């Protein structure tokens, strides 16, 4: 099990194109593309990993691969195990930037206080 922060469109209805997400994350937030809809960013020796995911209207998903996925309505950011105050602030800034850019919501179960 791992900790993550979920960001999604309201009621999981609105979707964004995979290419739009990739362009934003790489050009504005400094992430690198690992594979389709998988991104990472190194901060102080720790990797912040982010996945774009197509979910159903309840936020559920069951996928084997993200290859070929062209639209998503859920983003999960893995929280590194060695989280310190500085890294927490950086992740918070990333989450808030994504929320603002796409007018999405932070998941209540995995949100930031």
Protein backbone atom coordinates (compact mmCIF):
# COMPACT_ATOMS: atom_id res chain seq x y z
CA UNK A 1 0.00 0.00 0.00
CA UNK A 2 1.19 3.51 -0.67
CA UNK A 3 0.00 7.01 0.09
CA UNK A 4 -1.21 9.14 -2.76
CA UNK A 5 -3.13 12.30 -3.48
CA UNK A 6 -6.02 12.03 -5.90
CA UNK A 7 -7.13 14.90 -8.12
CA UNK A 8 -10.21 14.53 -10.32
CA UNK A 9 -12.88 16.37 -12.22
CA UNK A 10 -16.15 17.01 -10.42
CA UNK A 11 -18.08 13.73 -10.31
CA UNK A 12 -15.40 12.35 -12.66
CA UNK A 13 -17.37 13.75 -15.63
CA UNK A 14 -14.94 16.17 -17.30
CA UNK A 15 -11.98 14.59 -19.08
CA UNK A 16 -8.77 16.09 -20.40
CA UNK A 17 -6.72 14.89 -23.33
CA UNK A 18 -3.58 12.95 -22.47
CA UNK A 19 -1.47 15.26 -24.63
CA UNK A 20 -2.81 18.34 -22.83
CA UNK A 21 -1.84 16.85 -19.47
CA UNK A 22 1.59 15.84 -20.75
CA UNK A 23 2.27 19.29 -22.20
CA UNK A 24 1.27 21.00 -18.96
CA UNK A 25 3.24 18.71 -16.65
CA UNK A 26 6.43 18.76 -18.71
CA UNK A 27 6.48 22.43 -19.75
CA UNK A 28 4.99 24.10 -16.68
CA UNK A 29 5.75 21.80 -13.73
CA UNK A 30 9.06 20.23 -14.80
CA UNK A 31 7.97 16.58 -14.92
CA UNK A 32 9.49 14.09 -17.34
CA UNK A 33 7.42 11.54 -19.23
CA UNK A 34 8.15 7.97 -18.15
CA UNK A 35 5.54 6.38 -20.43
CA UNK A 36 2.02 7.18 -21.57
CA UNK A 37 0.33 9.05 -18.69
CA UNK A 38 3.17 8.26 -16.25
CA UNK A 39 5.40 11.10 -15.15
CA UNK A 40 8.09 11.74 -12.56
CA UNK A 41 10.03 14.62 -11.09
CA UNK A 42 13.09 14.41 -8.85
CA UNK A 43 13.17 16.77 -5.90
CA UNK A 44 16.01 16.62 -3.36
CA UNK A 45 16.80 13.01 -4.27
CA UNK A 46 13.17 11.84 -3.99
CA UNK A 47 10.94 11.05 -6.95
CA UNK A 48 7.43 12.41 -7.19
CA UNK A 49 5.44 10.07 -9.44
CA UNK A 50 2.21 11.03 -11.14
CA UNK A 51 -0.25 8.93 -13.15
CA UNK A 52 -3.15 10.04 -15.31
CA UNK A 53 -6.01 7.53 -15.13
CA UNK A 54 -9.36 7.00 -16.87
CA UNK A 55 -11.89 6.31 -14.10
CA UNK A 56 -15.59 5.55 -14.11
CA UNK A 57 -18.14 7.97 -12.64
CA UNK A 58 -17.48 6.57 -9.14
CA UNK A 59 -13.73 7.07 -9.42
CA UNK A 60 -13.04 3.36 -9.83
CA UNK A 61 -10.65 1.93 -12.36
CA UNK A 62 -9.21 -1.41 -13.36
CA UNK A 63 -6.60 -1.12 -16.07
CA UNK A 64 -3.61 -3.18 -17.07
CA UNK A 65 -1.93 -0.54 -19.20
CA UNK A 66 -2.23 3.15 -19.98
CA UNK A 67 -1.02 2.66 -23.54
CA UNK A 68 -3.57 3.98 -25.99
CA UNK A 69 -5.50 5.96 -23.35
CA UNK A 70 -6.30 9.38 -24.81
CA UNK A 71 -8.41 11.01 -22.07
CA UNK A 72 -8.32 10.95 -18.29
CA UNK A 73 -10.43 12.25 -15.42
CA UNK A 74 -8.24 11.24 -12.45
CA UNK A 75 -4.65 12.00 -11.47
CA UNK A 76 -2.83 10.19 -8.68
CA UNK A 77 0.37 11.56 -7.19
CA UNK A 78 2.38 9.04 -5.18
CA UNK A 79 3.66 10.51 -1.94
CA UNK A 80 7.33 9.57 -1.35
CA UNK A 81 8.14 7.59 1.81
CA UNK A 82 10.81 10.06 2.94
CA UNK A 83 8.52 13.08 3.08
CA UNK A 84 9.88 16.17 4.81
CA UNK A 85 8.38 19.64 5.20
CA UNK A 86 10.07 20.99 2.06
CA UNK A 87 8.93 18.08 -0.11
CA UNK A 88 5.42 18.31 1.33
CA UNK A 89 5.30 21.99 0.36
CA UNK A 90 6.50 21.21 -3.18
CA UNK A 91 3.89 18.46 -3.61
CA UNK A 92 1.21 20.79 -2.25
CA UNK A 93 2.23 23.44 -4.80
CA UNK A 94 2.07 20.85 -7.62
CA UNK A 95 -1.37 19.64 -6.52
CA UNK A 96 -2.73 23.17 -6.24
CA UNK A 97 -1.30 24.14 -9.64
CA UNK A 98 -3.02 21.15 -11.30
CA UNK A 99 -6.30 21.88 -9.49
CA UNK A 100 -6.18 25.49 -10.66
CA UNK A 101 -5.16 24.68 -14.25
CA UNK A 102 -7.90 22.12 -14.89
CA UNK A 103 -10.54 23.30 -12.36
CA UNK A 104 -10.47 19.90 -10.70
CA UNK A 105 -10.87 18.80 -7.08
CA UNK A 106 -8.58 17.21 -4.50
CA UNK A 107 -10.03 13.86 -3.48
CA UNK A 108 -11.53 14.09 0.01
CA UNK A 109 -10.01 10.78 1.09
CA UNK A 110 -6.47 11.67 0.01
CA UNK A 111 -6.43 15.45 0.12
CA UNK A 112 -4.12 18.00 1.62
CA UNK A 113 -5.07 19.61 4.94
